Amino acid sequence: MVKNLIFDAGPLINFAMNGLLPLLTKLKKEFKGDFLITKEVKREVIDYPETIRRFELEAIQIKELFNQRIIKHADITEREIDDLRQKREQIMSIANSTFYADKKPIHLLDKGECAALALSTVLKEPSVLVIDERTARMLCENPENLRKLLQKKLHTSVNAKKENYEFFKKFKIIRSTELAYIANKKKLIDIKDPRAYEAMLYGLKYKGCSISEEEIEEMKKL
């Protein structure tokens, strides 16, 4: 059984931009575990945007969840923190040397995403990552399709260290839309308009969740 959901910055920002943070509070009450963020993600969704007028409101709203411990840092030891840093750097190094174009490595993942992935390896309990960004998810779920996508996007041949593919298979990822699906199934959505669930899925899509219209149609049928 999954004991932790580890959030990347994207889904939290997405929920905030769509006015859906109260839904996370409801989901947390249903979940028999913790909603975790790394220090890198906290800087990205609270500490830094709090200083910018354009993003301040969303940062304050996410900070409320943090202060209420709806989302929180993992309770790990100093030794585990050191292990986390080492694994973060290892993951970043492997991710950003997996694909090459014109003999140059292609940068895929930043420190925040790698810290979230690293935390899932440090924790003893089973964990799932909540990541909306397409690159990280494809790297874990279908790296060969990611190679083809990069090749199409860059209009050049992209080579891969295919031995790296196996490294990322152990990470389990869901998106903000999967959380919306769970909320709908558990009848946690307060809006009574029957269009609300579909509108929520599209709202999350257009604010940054990598999901196709075909996938949304499938989620509506489930």
Protein backbone atom coordinates (compact mmCIF):
# COMPACT_ATOMS: atom_id res chain seq x y z
CA MET A 1 0.00 0.00 0.00
CA VAL A 2 1.25 3.49 -0.90
CA LYS A 3 2.21 5.43 2.24
CA ASN A 4 3.47 8.69 0.70
CA LEU A 5 2.61 10.99 -2.16
CA ILE A 6 5.65 13.10 -3.06
CA PHE A 7 4.68 16.30 -4.87
CA ASP A 8 6.73 18.05 -7.48
CA ALA A 9 6.14 21.81 -7.76
CA GLY A 10 3.98 21.63 -10.91
CA PRO A 11 0.87 19.91 -9.49
CA LEU A 12 0.77 22.23 -6.44
CA ILE A 13 1.02 25.32 -8.66
CA ASN A 14 -1.60 23.81 -10.99
CA PHE A 15 -4.05 23.16 -8.14
CA ALA A 16 -3.47 26.69 -6.83
CA MET A 17 -4.00 28.32 -10.23
CA ASN A 18 -7.27 26.42 -10.65
CA GLY A 19 -8.52 27.23 -7.14
CA LEU A 20 -8.40 23.55 -6.20
CA LEU A 21 -6.14 23.57 -3.13
CA PRO A 22 -9.12 22.84 -0.79
CA LEU A 23 -9.49 19.58 -2.70
CA LEU A 24 -6.00 18.56 -1.56
CA THR A 25 -7.12 19.03 2.04
CA LYS A 26 -10.06 16.71 1.44
CA LEU A 27 -7.89 14.15 -0.33
CA LYS A 28 -5.39 14.22 2.53
CA LYS A 29 -8.15 13.29 4.99
CA GLU A 30 -8.95 10.25 2.82
CA PHE A 31 -5.31 9.20 2.38
CA LYS A 32 -3.70 6.97 5.00
CA GLY A 33 -0.29 8.51 4.63
CA ASP A 34 1.62 11.74 4.04
CA PHE A 35 1.69 14.38 1.30
CA LEU A 36 5.39 15.27 1.11
CA ILE A 37 7.48 17.97 -0.54
CA THR A 38 11.22 18.47 -0.63
CA LYS A 39 13.00 21.66 0.42
CA GLU A 40 13.65 22.37 -3.26
CA VAL A 41 9.94 22.22 -4.04
CA LYS A 42 9.09 24.41 -1.04
CA ARG A 43 11.48 27.06 -2.36
CA GLU A 44 9.82 26.82 -5.77
CA VAL A 45 6.18 27.00 -4.64
CA ILE A 46 6.38 29.09 -1.44
CA ASP A 47 9.66 30.81 -0.56
CA TYR A 48 10.54 32.36 -3.92
CA PRO A 49 7.04 33.18 -5.30
CA GLU A 50 6.11 34.76 -1.96
CA THR A 51 8.49 37.60 -2.89
CA ILE A 52 6.84 38.29 -6.28
CA ARG A 53 3.52 40.16 -6.45
CA ARG A 54 2.31 38.20 -9.46
CA PHE A 55 2.66 34.84 -7.67
CA GLU A 56 2.29 35.89 -4.04
CA LEU A 57 -1.36 34.87 -3.57
CA GLU A 58 -0.82 31.31 -4.79
CA ALA A 59 2.33 31.01 -2.65
CA ILE A 60 0.42 32.17 0.44
CA GLN A 61 -2.35 29.64 -0.23
CA ILE A 62 0.13 26.79 -0.62
CA LYS A 63 1.93 27.98 2.51
CA GLU A 64 -1.33 27.60 4.44
CA LEU A 65 -1.36 23.92 3.49
CA PHE A 66 2.24 23.62 4.64
CA ASN A 67 1.53 25.36 7.95
CA GLN A 68 -1.43 23.02 8.50
CA ARG A 69 0.83 20.03 7.63
CA ILE A 70 -1.46 18.97 4.79
CA ILE A 71 1.79 18.98 2.85
CA LYS A 72 5.05 18.69 4.78
CA HIS A 73 8.70 17.75 4.70
CA ALA A 74 9.56 14.11 5.25
CA ASP A 75 10.68 13.13 8.75
CA ILE A 76 14.13 11.87 7.88
CA THR A 77 17.42 11.74 9.76
CA GLU A 78 20.55 13.80 9.06
CA ARG A 79 22.12 10.71 7.55
CA GLU A 80 19.12 10.24 5.25
CA ILE A 81 19.31 13.92 4.26
CA ASP A 82 22.92 13.39 3.17
CA ASP A 83 21.81 10.27 1.28
CA LEU A 84 19.02 12.29 -0.35
CA ARG A 85 21.48 14.92 -1.61
CA GLN A 86 23.78 12.28 -3.05
CA LYS A 87 20.93 10.47 -4.77
CA ARG A 88 19.53 13.75 -6.11
CA GLU A 89 22.87 14.51 -7.76
CA GLN A 90 23.13 10.93 -9.07
CA ILE A 91 19.64 11.05 -10.59
CA MET A 92 20.31 14.44 -12.16
CA SER A 93 23.57 13.18 -13.64
CA ILE A 94 21.99 10.02 -15.08
CA ALA A 95 18.89 11.82 -16.41
CA ASN A 96 20.87 14.57 -18.09
CA SER A 97 23.28 12.18 -19.76
CA THR A 98 20.69 9.72 -21.11
CA PHE A 99 20.05 11.43 -24.46
CA TYR A 100 22.48 13.09 -26.84
CA ALA A 101 22.02 15.24 -29.93
CA ASP A 102 25.02 16.30 -32.03
CA LYS A 103 27.21 14.57 -29.41
CA LYS A 104 25.94 16.95 -26.69
CA PRO A 105 23.87 15.79 -23.69
CA ILE A 106 20.24 16.93 -23.55
CA HIS A 107 19.18 18.53 -20.26
CA LEU A 108 16.00 16.81 -19.05
CA LEU A 109 15.50 17.28 -15.31
CA ASP A 110 16.21 20.05 -12.82
CA LYS A 111 17.15 19.84 -9.16
CA GLY A 112 13.56 20.00 -7.86
CA GLU A 113 12.32 17.04 -9.87
CA CYS A 114 15.44 15.02 -9.07
CA ALA A 115 15.07 15.76 -5.34
CA ALA A 116 11.49 14.43 -5.44
CA LEU A 117 12.66 11.26 -7.23
CA ALA A 118 15.52 10.89 -4.76
CA LEU A 119 13.20 11.22 -1.76
CA SER A 120 11.14 8.28 -2.98
CA THR A 121 14.28 6.11 -2.87
CA VAL A 122 15.29 7.28 0.62
CA LEU A 123 11.94 6.64 2.29
CA LYS A 124 11.34 3.15 3.60
CA GLU A 125 7.60 3.17 2.85
CA PRO A 126 6.16 2.76 -0.68
CA SER A 127 5.83 6.16 -2.35
CA VAL A 128 4.27 7.57 -5.51
CA LEU A 129 5.37 10.80 -7.16
CA VAL A 130 2.90 13.45 -8.29
CA ILE A 131 4.42 15.07 -11.39
CA ASP A 132 2.57 16.90 -14.18
CA GLU A 133 5.55 17.59 -16.41
CA ARG A 134 5.76 15.29 -19.41
CA THR A 135 9.54 14.79 -19.64
CA ALA A 136 10.03 13.29 -16.16
CA ARG A 137 7.01 11.02 -16.54
CA MET A 138 8.04 9.75 -19.98
CA LEU A 139 11.60 9.16 -18.79
CA CYS A 140 10.21 6.82 -16.12
CA GLU A 141 7.38 5.24 -18.08
CA ASN A 142 8.45 5.19 -21.73
CA PRO A 143 11.97 6.56 -22.32
CA GLU A 144 12.15 5.32 -25.90
CA ASN A 145 9.05 7.36 -26.78
CA LEU A 146 10.72 10.32 -25.10
CA ARG A 147 13.76 9.84 -27.33
CA LYS A 148 11.52 9.88 -30.42
CA LEU A 149 9.68 12.96 -29.15
CA LEU A 150 12.96 14.81 -28.56
CA GLN A 151 14.12 13.80 -32.02
CA LYS A 152 10.95 15.22 -33.58
CA LYS A 153 11.14 18.40 -31.50
CA LEU A 154 14.83 19.05 -32.17
CA HIS A 155 14.69 18.02 -35.85
CA THR A 156 17.87 16.02 -35.46
CA SER A 157 18.98 12.50 -34.57
CA VAL A 158 18.85 11.76 -30.84
CA ASN A 159 20.91 8.90 -29.41
CA ALA A 160 20.32 7.25 -26.05
CA LYS A 161 22.27 5.46 -23.36
CA LYS A 162 19.65 2.74 -23.21
CA GLU A 163 21.28 1.18 -20.15
CA ASN A 164 19.91 4.22 -18.27
CA TYR A 165 16.31 3.28 -19.10
CA GLU A 166 16.23 0.56 -16.46
CA PHE A 167 17.27 2.99 -13.71
CA PHE A 168 14.08 5.03 -14.00
CA LYS A 169 11.60 2.13 -14.19
CA LYS A 170 11.31 1.91 -10.40
CA PHE A 171 9.65 5.32 -10.06
CA LYS A 172 5.85 5.39 -9.98
CA ILE A 173 4.18 8.60 -11.14
CA ILE A 174 0.66 10.04 -11.18
CA ARG A 175 -0.54 13.47 -12.32
CA SER A 176 -2.81 16.13 -10.84
CA THR A 177 -5.57 14.79 -13.11
CA GLU A 178 -5.38 11.39 -11.39
CA LEU A 179 -5.92 13.17 -8.08
CA ALA A 180 -8.96 14.91 -9.60
CA TYR A 181 -10.22 11.50 -10.74
CA ILE A 182 -9.89 10.11 -7.19
CA ALA A 183 -11.64 13.18 -5.78
CA ASN A 184 -14.50 12.68 -8.22
CA LYS A 185 -14.82 8.98 -7.40
CA LYS A 186 -14.89 9.75 -3.69
CA LYS A 187 -17.46 12.52 -4.28
CA LEU A 188 -15.20 15.19 -2.80
CA ILE A 189 -16.03 17.81 -5.44
CA ASP A 190 -18.46 20.34 -3.96
CA ILE A 191 -19.59 21.88 -7.26
CA LYS A 192 -22.85 20.18 -8.22
CA ASP A 193 -22.82 21.13 -11.90
CA PRO A 194 -22.31 17.83 -13.81
CA ARG A 195 -19.73 19.55 -16.02
CA ALA A 196 -17.44 20.29 -13.05
CA TYR A 197 -15.29 17.15 -13.23
CA GLU A 198 -14.60 17.49 -16.96
CA ALA A 199 -13.95 21.22 -16.52
CA MET A 200 -11.52 20.40 -13.73
CA LEU A 201 -9.58 17.96 -15.92
CA TYR A 202 -9.32 20.52 -18.71
CA GLY A 203 -8.42 23.27 -16.25
CA LEU A 204 -5.52 21.15 -14.99
CA LYS A 205 -4.48 20.35 -18.57
CA TYR A 206 -4.36 23.98 -19.65
CA LYS A 207 -2.46 25.08 -16.55
CA GLY A 208 0.37 22.60 -17.08
CA CYS A 209 -0.63 18.95 -16.68
CA SER A 210 0.58 16.84 -19.59
CA ILE A 211 -2.56 14.96 -20.60
CA SER A 212 -4.21 14.50 -23.98
CA GLU A 213 -7.88 15.10 -24.79
CA GLU A 214 -8.15 11.37 -25.53
CA GLU A 215 -6.93 10.55 -22.03
CA ILE A 216 -9.44 12.99 -20.56
CA GLU A 217 -12.26 11.28 -22.46
CA GLU A 218 -11.10 7.94 -21.05
CA MET A 219 -11.00 9.34 -17.52
CA LYS A 220 -14.56 10.59 -17.90
CA LYS A 221 -15.70 7.04 -18.73
CA LEU A 222 -13.90 5.31 -15.83
